[in-house]
C-alpha atoms as a PDB file:
ATOM      1  CA  GLY A   1      -4.823 -20.439   4.500  1.00  0.00           C
ATOM      2  CA  TYR A   2      -1.888 -19.172   6.559  1.00  0.00           C
ATOM      3  CA  SER A   3      -0.144 -22.515   7.098  1.00  0.00           C
ATOM      4  CA  GLY A   4       2.881 -22.164   4.809  1.00  0.00           C
ATOM      5  CA  HIS A   5       6.435 -21.333   5.903  1.00  0.00           C
ATOM      6  CA  SER A   6       5.991 -19.073   8.948  1.00  0.00           C
ATOM      7  CA  HIS A   7       7.700 -17.474  11.970  1.00  0.00           C
ATOM      8  CA  ILE A   8      10.386 -15.871   9.788  1.00  0.00           C
ATOM      9  CA  THR A   9      12.391 -12.741  10.584  1.00  0.00           C
ATOM     10  CA  ILE A  10      14.681 -10.868   8.197  1.00  0.00           C
ATOM     11  CA  LEU A  11      16.994  -8.442   9.988  1.00  0.00           C
ATOM     12  CA  GLY A  12      18.910  -5.816   8.026  1.00  0.00           C
ATOM     13  CA  GLY A  13      20.745  -6.116   4.757  1.00  0.00           C
ATOM     14  CA  THR A  14      20.556  -4.265   1.461  1.00  0.00           C
ATOM     15  CA  TRP A  15      18.445  -6.110  -1.075  1.00  0.00           C
ATOM     16  CA  ASP A  16      18.917  -4.732  -4.599  1.00  0.00           C
ATOM     17  CA  GLY A  17      16.499  -5.809  -7.342  1.00  0.00           C
ATOM     18  CA  ASN A  18      18.882  -4.419 -10.020  1.00  0.00           C
ATOM     19  CA  ALA A  19      16.047  -3.018 -12.139  1.00  0.00           C
ATOM     20  CA  TYR A  20      16.934  -1.809 -15.613  1.00  0.00           C
ATOM     21  CA  ASN A  21      16.429   1.957 -15.724  1.00  0.00           C
ATOM     22  CA  GLY A  22      17.152   2.584 -19.399  1.00  0.00           C
ATOM     23  CA  SER A  23      20.909   2.551 -19.075  1.00  0.00           C
ATOM     24  CA  THR A  24      21.991   0.422 -16.111  1.00  0.00           C
ATOM     25  CA  GLY A  25      20.668  -2.690 -14.386  1.00  0.00           C
ATOM     26  CA  THR A  26      19.659  -6.012 -15.927  1.00  0.00           C
ATOM     27  CA  VAL A  27      16.194  -6.928 -14.573  1.00  0.00           C
ATOM     28  CA  THR A  28      13.213  -5.987 -16.755  1.00  0.00           C
ATOM     29  CA  ALA A  29      10.678  -8.627 -15.675  1.00  0.00           C
ATOM     30  CA  GLU A  30       7.901  -8.072 -13.139  1.00  0.00           C
ATOM     31  CA  THR A  31       9.923  -9.126 -10.093  1.00  0.00           C
ATOM     32  CA  ASN A  32       9.340  -8.870  -6.346  1.00  0.00           C
ATOM     33  CA  ILE A  33      12.348  -8.640  -4.072  1.00  0.00           C
ATOM     34  CA  MET A  34      10.580 -10.332  -1.136  1.00  0.00           C
ATOM     35  CA  ASN A  35       7.307 -12.212  -1.404  1.00  0.00           C
ATOM     36  CA  PHE A  36       5.624 -14.044   1.484  1.00  0.00           C
ATOM     37  CA  VAL A  37       2.586 -16.193   0.646  1.00  0.00           C
ATOM     38  CA  HIS A  38       0.327 -18.355   2.883  1.00  0.00           C
ATOM     39  CA  ALA A  39       2.285 -17.530   6.015  1.00  0.00           C
ATOM     40  CA  SER A  40       1.971 -16.197   9.542  1.00  0.00           C
ATOM     41  CA  ASP A  41       4.290 -14.197  11.801  1.00  0.00           C
ATOM     42  CA  ILE A  42       6.619 -12.587   9.262  1.00  0.00           C
ATOM     43  CA  THR A  43       8.902  -9.680  10.224  1.00  0.00           C
ATOM     44  CA  VAL A  44      11.185  -7.605   7.986  1.00  0.00           C
ATOM     45  CA  ARG A  45      13.135  -5.098  10.061  1.00  0.00           C
ATOM     46  CA  ASP A  46      15.967  -2.602   9.404  1.00  0.00           C
ATOM     47  CA  ALA A  47      16.312  -3.730   5.783  1.00  0.00           C
ATOM     48  CA  ARG A  48      16.851  -1.614   2.665  1.00  0.00           C
ATOM     49  CA  LEU A  49      15.005  -2.803  -0.459  1.00  0.00           C
ATOM     50  CA  MET A  50      15.822  -0.928  -3.634  1.00  0.00           C
ATOM     51  CA  ASN A  51      15.694  -0.775  -7.447  1.00  0.00           C
ATOM     52  CA  VAL A  52      12.537  -2.805  -8.065  1.00  0.00           C
ATOM     53  CA  SER A  53      11.478  -3.766 -11.585  1.00  0.00           C
ATOM     54  CA  THR A  54       7.756  -3.450 -12.361  1.00  0.00           C
ATOM     55  CA  ALA A  55       6.466  -5.259  -9.231  1.00  0.00           C
ATOM     56  CA  HIS A  56       6.984  -4.797  -5.467  1.00  0.00           C
ATOM     57  CA  ALA A  57       9.806  -4.544  -3.001  1.00  0.00           C
ATOM     58  CA  LEU A  58       7.873  -6.463  -0.326  1.00  0.00           C
ATOM     59  CA  GLU A  59       4.620  -8.394  -0.679  1.00  0.00           C
ATOM     60  CA  PHE A  60       2.507  -9.767   2.143  1.00  0.00           C
ATOM     61  CA  ASN A  61       0.176 -12.103   0.251  1.00  0.00           C
ATOM     62  CA  SER A  62      -2.200 -14.249   2.342  1.00  0.00           C
ATOM     63  CA  VAL A  63      -0.122 -13.427   5.434  1.00  0.00           C
ATOM     64  CA  ASP A  64      -1.524 -13.250   8.960  1.00  0.00           C
ATOM     65  CA  GLY A  65       0.757 -11.052  11.046  1.00  0.00           C
ATOM     66  CA  GLY A  66       3.154  -9.353   8.645  1.00  0.00           C
ATOM     67  CA  ARG A  67       5.414  -6.564   9.908  1.00  0.00           C
ATOM     68  CA  ALA A  68       7.722  -4.116   8.120  1.00  0.00           C
ATOM     69  CA  ILE A  69       9.566  -2.113  10.768  1.00  0.00           C
ATOM     70  CA  ASP A  70      12.118   0.678  10.213  1.00  0.00           C
ATOM     71  CA  CYS A  71      12.833  -0.375   6.630  1.00  0.00           C
ATOM     72  CA  GLU A  72      13.788   1.711   3.596  1.00  0.00           C
ATOM     73  CA  PHE A  73      12.308   1.354   0.111  1.00  0.00           C
ATOM     74  CA  TYR A  74      14.086   3.275  -2.641  1.00  0.00           C
ATOM     75  CA  GLY A  75      13.794   3.150  -6.416  1.00  0.00           C
ATOM     76  CA  TYR A  76      11.307   1.701  -8.886  1.00  0.00           C
ATOM     77  CA  ALA A  77      11.281   1.244 -12.678  1.00  0.00           C
ATOM     78  CA  ASP A  78       8.160   0.447 -14.690  1.00  0.00           C
ATOM     79  CA  ASN A  79       9.521  -1.904 -17.340  1.00  0.00           C
ATOM     80  CA  SER A  80       6.087  -3.093 -18.484  1.00  0.00           C
ATOM     81  CA  GLY A  81       6.640  -1.601 -21.932  1.00  0.00           C
ATOM     82  CA  ASP A  82       3.395   0.390 -21.969  1.00  0.00           C
ATOM     83  CA  LEU A  83       3.766   2.004 -18.504  1.00  0.00           C
ATOM     84  CA  SER A  84       0.810  -0.050 -17.277  1.00  0.00           C
ATOM     85  CA  ARG A  85       2.402  -0.572 -13.848  1.00  0.00           C
ATOM     86  CA  GLN A  86       2.365   3.021 -12.657  1.00  0.00           C
ATOM     87  CA  PHE A  87       0.297   1.888  -9.637  1.00  0.00           C
ATOM     88  CA  SER A  88       2.780  -0.681  -8.321  1.00  0.00           C
ATOM     89  CA  GLU A  89       3.373  -0.512  -4.554  1.00  0.00           C
ATOM     90  CA  ALA A  90       6.639  -0.725  -2.655  1.00  0.00           C
ATOM     91  CA  ILE A  91       4.734  -2.772  -0.054  1.00  0.00           C
ATOM     92  CA  GLN A  92       1.749  -4.648  -1.426  1.00  0.00           C
ATOM     93  CA  ILE A  93      -0.888  -6.182   0.850  1.00  0.00           C
ATOM     94  CA  ASP A  94      -2.389  -8.911  -1.296  1.00  0.00           C
ATOM     95  CA  ILE A  95      -4.705 -11.915  -1.630  1.00  0.00           C
ATOM     96  CA  SER A  96      -3.969 -15.397  -2.996  1.00  0.00           C
ATOM     97  CA  LYS A  97      -6.031 -14.952  -6.138  1.00  0.00           C
ATOM     98  CA  SER A  98      -4.933 -16.524  -9.403  1.00  0.00           C
ATOM     99  CA  GLY A  99      -2.654 -14.049 -11.131  1.00  0.00           C
ATOM    100  CA  SER A 100      -1.654 -12.264  -7.932  1.00  0.00           C
ATOM    101  CA  SER A 101       1.391 -14.453  -7.359  1.00  0.00           C
ATOM    102  CA  SER A 102       3.418 -17.235  -8.956  1.00  0.00           C
ATOM    103  CA  ILE A 103       2.989 -19.189  -5.707  1.00  0.00           C
ATOM    104  CA  GLY A 104      -0.240 -21.130  -4.945  1.00  0.00           C
ATOM    105  CA  ASP A 105      -2.602 -22.269  -3.652  1.00  0.00           C
ATOM    106  CA  PHE A 106      -5.057 -19.775  -5.103  1.00  0.00           C
ATOM    107  CA  ASP A 107      -7.721 -20.105  -2.423  1.00  0.00           C
ATOM    108  CA  ASN A 108      -8.540 -16.375  -2.033  1.00  0.00           C
ATOM    109  CA  THR A 109      -6.898 -16.016   1.388  1.00  0.00           C
ATOM    110  CA  PRO A 110      -6.372 -12.290   2.148  1.00  0.00           C
ATOM    111  CA  ALA A 111      -3.594 -10.735   4.186  1.00  0.00           C
ATOM    112  CA  LYS A 112      -4.578  -9.516   7.653  1.00  0.00           C
ATOM    113  CA  ASN A 113      -3.057  -8.069  10.832  1.00  0.00           C
ATOM    114  CA  ILE A 114      -0.370  -6.139   8.959  1.00  0.00           C
ATOM    115  CA  THR A 115       1.827  -3.533  10.680  1.00  0.00           C
ATOM    116  CA  ILE A 116       4.053  -1.100   8.795  1.00  0.00           C
ATOM    117  CA  ARG A 117       5.930   1.296  11.059  1.00  0.00           C
ATOM    118  CA  GLY A 118       8.796   3.742  10.738  1.00  0.00           C
ATOM    119  CA  CYS A 119       9.532   2.986   7.079  1.00  0.00           C
ATOM    120  CA  ARG A 120      10.830   5.375   4.427  1.00  0.00           C
ATOM    121  CA  PHE A 121       9.966   5.462   0.720  1.00  0.00           C
ATOM    122  CA  GLY A 122      11.415   7.347  -2.245  1.00  0.00           C
ATOM    123  CA  SER A 123      13.663   7.279  -5.283  1.00  0.00           C
ATOM    124  CA  SER A 124      17.126   5.726  -5.404  1.00  0.00           C
ATOM    125  CA  THR A 125      20.186   7.117  -7.131  1.00  0.00           C
ATOM    126  CA  ARG A 126      19.317   4.889 -10.123  1.00  0.00           C
ATOM    127  CA  CYS A 127      15.526   4.579 -10.239  1.00  0.00           C
ATOM    128  CA  GLY A 128      12.555   6.828  -9.659  1.00  0.00           C
ATOM    129  CA  PRO A 129       9.674   6.688  -7.158  1.00  0.00           C
ATOM    130  CA  PHE A 130       7.218   3.840  -6.671  1.00  0.00           C
ATOM    131  CA  GLY A 131       3.695   3.984  -8.009  1.00  0.00           C
ATOM    132  CA  ARG A 132       2.436   3.823  -4.427  1.00  0.00           C
ATOM    133  CA  ALA A 133       4.335   3.404  -1.201  1.00  0.00           C
ATOM    134  CA  ILE A 134       1.834   1.029   0.457  1.00  0.00           C
ATOM    135  CA  GLY A 135      -1.398  -0.453  -0.800  1.00  0.00           C
ATOM    136  CA  SER A 136      -3.565  -3.100  -2.391  1.00  0.00           C
ATOM    137  CA  HIS A 137      -5.116  -3.327  -5.827  1.00  0.00           C
ATOM    138  CA  THR A 138      -6.709  -6.805  -5.942  1.00  0.00           C
ATOM    139  CA  ILE A 139      -9.702  -8.274  -4.087  1.00  0.00           C
ATOM    140  CA  VAL A 140     -12.364 -10.943  -4.588  1.00  0.00           C
ATOM    141  CA  ALA A 141     -16.005 -10.915  -3.531  1.00  0.00           C
ATOM    142  CA  ASP A 142     -16.854 -11.370   0.147  1.00  0.00           C
ATOM    143  CA  THR A 143     -13.279 -10.875   1.338  1.00  0.00           C
ATOM    144  CA  HIS A 144     -11.355  -7.935   2.796  1.00  0.00           C
ATOM    145  CA  TYR A 145      -8.014  -7.021   4.327  1.00  0.00           C
ATOM    146  CA  GLU A 146      -8.325  -6.572   8.074  1.00  0.00           C
ATOM    147  CA  ASN A 147      -6.375  -4.718  10.774  1.00  0.00           C
ATOM    148  CA  ILE A 148      -3.921  -2.772   8.628  1.00  0.00           C
ATOM    149  CA  HIS A 149      -1.870  -0.334  10.731  1.00  0.00           C
ATOM    150  CA  ILE A 150       0.529   2.122   9.070  1.00  0.00           C
ATOM    151  CA  SER A 151       2.319   4.613  11.304  1.00  0.00           C
ATOM    152  CA  ASP A 152       5.282   6.970  11.498  1.00  0.00           C
ATOM    153  CA  CYS A 153       6.342   6.398   7.898  1.00  0.00           C
ATOM    154  CA  HIS A 154       7.927   8.962   5.592  1.00  0.00           C
ATOM    155  CA  ILE A 155       6.794   8.868   1.971  1.00  0.00           C
ATOM    156  CA  GLU A 156       8.675  11.137  -0.396  1.00  0.00           C
ATOM    157  CA  GLU A 157       7.110  11.236  -3.877  1.00  0.00           C
ATOM    158  CA  THR A 158       4.967   8.600  -5.597  1.00  0.00           C
ATOM    159  CA  LEU A 159       3.542   8.307  -9.101  1.00  0.00           C
ATOM    160  CA  GLN A 160       0.024   7.822  -7.757  1.00  0.00           C
ATOM    161  CA  GLU A 161      -1.198   7.606  -4.134  1.00  0.00           C
ATOM    162  CA  GLY A 162       1.040   7.541  -1.115  1.00  0.00           C
ATOM    163  CA  ILE A 163      -1.186   4.991   0.649  1.00  0.00           C
ATOM    164  CA  HIS A 164      -3.944   3.160  -1.230  1.00  0.00           C
ATOM    165  CA  GLY A 165      -6.275   1.166   1.017  1.00  0.00           C
ATOM    166  CA  TYR A 166      -8.511  -1.066  -1.102  1.00  0.00           C
ATOM    167  CA  SER A 167     -11.207  -2.977   0.793  1.00  0.00           C
ATOM    168  CA  TRP A 168      -9.374  -2.498   4.114  1.00  0.00           C
ATOM    169  CA  ARG A 169     -11.330  -3.036   7.351  1.00  0.00           C
ATOM    170  CA  ARG A 170     -10.330  -1.656  10.747  1.00  0.00           C
ATOM    171  CA  ALA A 171      -7.461   0.273   9.226  1.00  0.00           C
ATOM    172  CA  LYS A 172      -5.465   2.989  10.973  1.00  0.00           C
ATOM    173  CA  ILE A 173      -3.173   5.378   9.108  1.00  0.00           C
ATOM    174  CA  ALA A 174      -1.446   7.498  11.776  1.00  0.00           C
ATOM    175  CA  GLY A 175       1.409   9.944  12.127  1.00  0.00           C
ATOM    176  CA  ASN A 176       2.809   9.580   8.629  1.00  0.00           C
ATOM    177  CA  THR A 177       4.522  12.272   6.529  1.00  0.00           C
ATOM    178  CA  ILE A 178       3.538  12.120   2.858  1.00  0.00           C
ATOM    179  CA  ARG A 179       4.981  14.514   0.282  1.00  0.00           C
ATOM    180  CA  SER A 180       4.694  15.088  -3.461  1.00  0.00           C
ATOM    181  CA  THR A 181       2.314  12.349  -4.534  1.00  0.00           C
ATOM    182  CA  GLY A 182       0.939  12.151  -8.065  1.00  0.00           C
ATOM    183  CA  LYS A 183      -2.586  11.623  -6.735  1.00  0.00           C
ATOM    184  CA  SER A 184      -4.010  11.462  -3.194  1.00  0.00           C
ATOM    185  CA  GLY A 185      -1.765  11.296  -0.186  1.00  0.00           C
ATOM    186  CA  VAL A 186      -4.167   8.737   1.331  1.00  0.00           C
ATOM    187  CA  LEU A 187      -6.974   7.052  -0.624  1.00  0.00           C
ATOM    188  CA  MET A 188      -9.255   4.526   1.062  1.00  0.00           C
ATOM    189  CA  ARG A 189     -11.773   2.933  -1.281  1.00  0.00           C
ATOM    190  CA  LEU A 190     -14.094   0.001  -1.820  1.00  0.00           C
ATOM    191  CA  PRO A 191     -14.673  -2.011  -4.988  1.00  0.00           C
ATOM    192  CA  ASN A 192     -17.791  -1.490  -7.046  1.00  0.00           C
ATOM    193  CA  PRO A 193     -20.567  -3.443  -5.294  1.00  0.00           C
ATOM    194  CA  GLY A 194     -22.071  -4.215  -8.681  1.00  0.00           C
ATOM    195  CA  THR A 195     -19.163  -6.519  -9.430  1.00  0.00           C
ATOM    196  CA  THR A 196     -17.433  -7.262  -6.103  1.00  0.00           C
ATOM    197  CA  SER A 197     -19.162  -7.223  -2.715  1.00  0.00           C
ATOM    198  CA  THR A 198     -17.132  -6.640   0.446  1.00  0.00           C
ATOM    199  CA  THR A 199     -17.960  -5.638   4.015  1.00  0.00           C
ATOM    200  CA  PRO A 200     -16.504  -2.253   4.964  1.00  0.00           C
ATOM    201  CA  GLU A 201     -15.894  -1.204   8.541  1.00  0.00           C
ATOM    202  CA  SER A 202     -13.961   1.640  10.142  1.00  0.00           C
ATOM    203  CA  VAL A 203     -10.919   3.522   8.969  1.00  0.00           C
ATOM    204  CA  SER A 204      -9.097   6.259  10.852  1.00  0.00           C
ATOM    205  CA  THR A 205      -6.406   8.662   9.662  1.00  0.00           C
ATOM    206  CA  PRO A 206      -5.158  10.677  12.661  1.00  0.00           C
ATOM    207  CA  GLY A 207      -2.154  12.971  12.812  1.00  0.00           C
ATOM    208  CA  ASN A 208      -0.746  12.731   9.294  1.00  0.00           C
ATOM    209  CA  GLN A 209       1.108  15.503   7.468  1.00  0.00           C
ATOM    210  CA  ILE A 210       0.398  15.644   3.747  1.00  0.00           C
ATOM    211  CA  ASP A 211       2.202  18.167   1.574  1.00  0.00           C
ATOM    212  CA  GLY A 212       1.836  18.555  -2.177  1.00  0.00           C
ATOM    213  CA  SER A 213      -0.667  15.861  -3.157  1.00  0.00           C
ATOM    214  CA  GLY A 214      -1.334  15.937  -6.868  1.00  0.00           C
ATOM    215  CA  ASP A 215      -4.303  15.192  -9.083  1.00  0.00           C
ATOM    216  CA  ASP A 216      -6.834  14.321  -6.343  1.00  0.00           C
ATOM    217  CA  SER A 217      -7.793  15.145  -2.759  1.00  0.00           C
ATOM    218  CA  ALA A 218      -5.125  14.894  -0.082  1.00  0.00           C
ATOM    219  CA  ILE A 219      -7.217  12.468   2.007  1.00  0.00           C
ATOM    220  CA  ARG A 220     -10.061  10.731   0.197  1.00  0.00           C
ATOM    221  CA  VAL A 221     -12.485   8.006   1.272  1.00  0.00           C
ATOM    222  CA  LEU A 222     -14.454   6.662  -1.672  1.00  0.00           C
ATOM    223  CA  SER A 223     -17.442   4.340  -1.563  1.00  0.00           C
ATOM    224  CA  PHE A 224     -20.791   3.878  -3.333  1.00  0.00           C
ATOM    225  CA  ALA A 225     -24.401   4.844  -2.678  1.00  0.00           C
ATOM    226  CA  ALA A 226     -25.373   1.178  -2.449  1.00  0.00           C
ATOM    227  CA  HIS A 227     -22.335   0.229  -0.392  1.00  0.00           C
ATOM    228  CA  LYS A 228     -21.491   2.912   2.146  1.00  0.00           C
ATOM    229  CA  TYR A 229     -18.321   3.045   4.258  1.00  0.00           C
ATOM    230  CA  PRO A 230     -19.088   3.288   8.033  1.00  0.00           C
ATOM    231  CA  GLY A 231     -16.853   4.349  10.886  1.00  0.00           C
ATOM    232  CA  VAL A 232     -14.646   6.855   9.044  1.00  0.00           C
ATOM    233  CA  GLU A 233     -12.647   9.202  11.289  1.00  0.00           C
ATOM    234  CA  ILE A 234     -10.240  11.821   9.922  1.00  0.00           C
ATOM    235  CA  SER A 235      -8.592  13.894  12.645  1.00  0.00           C
ATOM    236  CA  ASP A 236      -5.695  16.211  13.449  1.00  0.00           C
ATOM    237  CA  ASN A 237      -4.073  16.103  10.033  1.00  0.00           C
ATOM    238  CA  VAL A 238      -2.010  18.936   8.537  1.00  0.00           C
ATOM    239  CA  ILE A 239      -2.519  19.389   4.783  1.00  0.00           C
ATOM    240  CA  ARG A 240      -0.551  21.824   2.648  1.00  0.00           C
ATOM    241  CA  ASN A 241      -0.119  22.687  -1.038  1.00  0.00           C
ATOM    242  CA  ASP A 242      -2.904  20.457  -2.308  1.00  0.00           C
ATOM    243  CA  THR A 243      -4.244  20.834  -5.856  1.00  0.00           C
ATOM    244  CA  GLY A 244      -7.610  19.213  -5.097  1.00  0.00           C
ATOM    245  CA  ASN A 245      -9.775  19.000  -1.986  1.00  0.00           C
ATOM    246  CA  ALA A 246      -7.989  18.707   1.323  1.00  0.00           C
ATOM    247  CA  VAL A 247     -10.436  16.113   2.658  1.00  0.00           C
ATOM    248  CA  GLN A 248     -13.078  14.343   0.571  1.00  0.00           C
ATOM    249  CA  VAL A 249     -15.496  11.657   1.779  1.00  0.00           C
ATOM    250  CA  GLU A 250     -18.055  10.075  -0.555  1.00  0.00           C
ATOM    251  CA  HIS A 251     -20.928   7.761   0.424  1.00  0.00           C
ATOM    252  CA  CYS A 252     -19.773   7.324   4.017  1.00  0.00           C
ATOM    253  CA  VAL A 253     -22.011   6.806   7.047  1.00  0.00           C
ATOM    254  CA  GLY A 254     -21.467   9.157   9.982  1.00  0.00           C
ATOM    255  CA  ALA A 255     -17.993  10.291   8.983  1.00  0.00           C
ATOM    256  CA  LYS A 256     -16.171  12.338  11.642  1.00  0.00           C
ATOM    257  CA  ILE A 257     -13.752  15.046  10.524  1.00  0.00           C
ATOM    258  CA  SER A 258     -12.077  17.034  13.298  1.00  0.00           C
ATOM    259  CA  GLY A 259      -8.987  18.942  14.361  1.00  0.00           C
END
């Protein structure tokens, strides 16, 4: 559950993962800078996390009430050997599934009630951009991540999506600036219901500015014919210089696109 070390605040500081970038740095392993597991009430504020090797700068894994406020995330190196970690997030919202962390218990507790506000993401002077700025890439059947709020962040270049919401419920992505992403600026998607069943519900993306999204639609909501995504609202966004669709919704129920 959420009963591990809790009520923790980290204020400020520069936290350097010292990732090897081909010429400098010493860390080549898959290494998080900060990782909170089975916890509640965690705040990281005004901190700079940089030069991450292969994993994440900040992970909220099985955390209820995680907050990243006015932080900076700069520099990532994929030292996997076969470039298999091109998706790795600066901030990962995760679940306590075996293989998702070196810290147990592996009881499939998902993160929930996560707030990310006023953060900045990009390259450092030593390392390149993250795979994704914020996102999830692991889920188990009959679970979901709930109440994920991301606002007023500035994302400057990613290898894949800027924000990747995977099985997020009641998510709001608002007022962010996202530039030069390898794929979508914002991608919200569900797992294949043939292998992993989850319960989708409501996502809104108001007032974002997305400029220069790459090999996909700028804002995309992706579901399945047998597992439709309800309550999708996309409003008042400004989208420029996109190589795919500006807005793309697939297998959604009553989607509202306005402004």
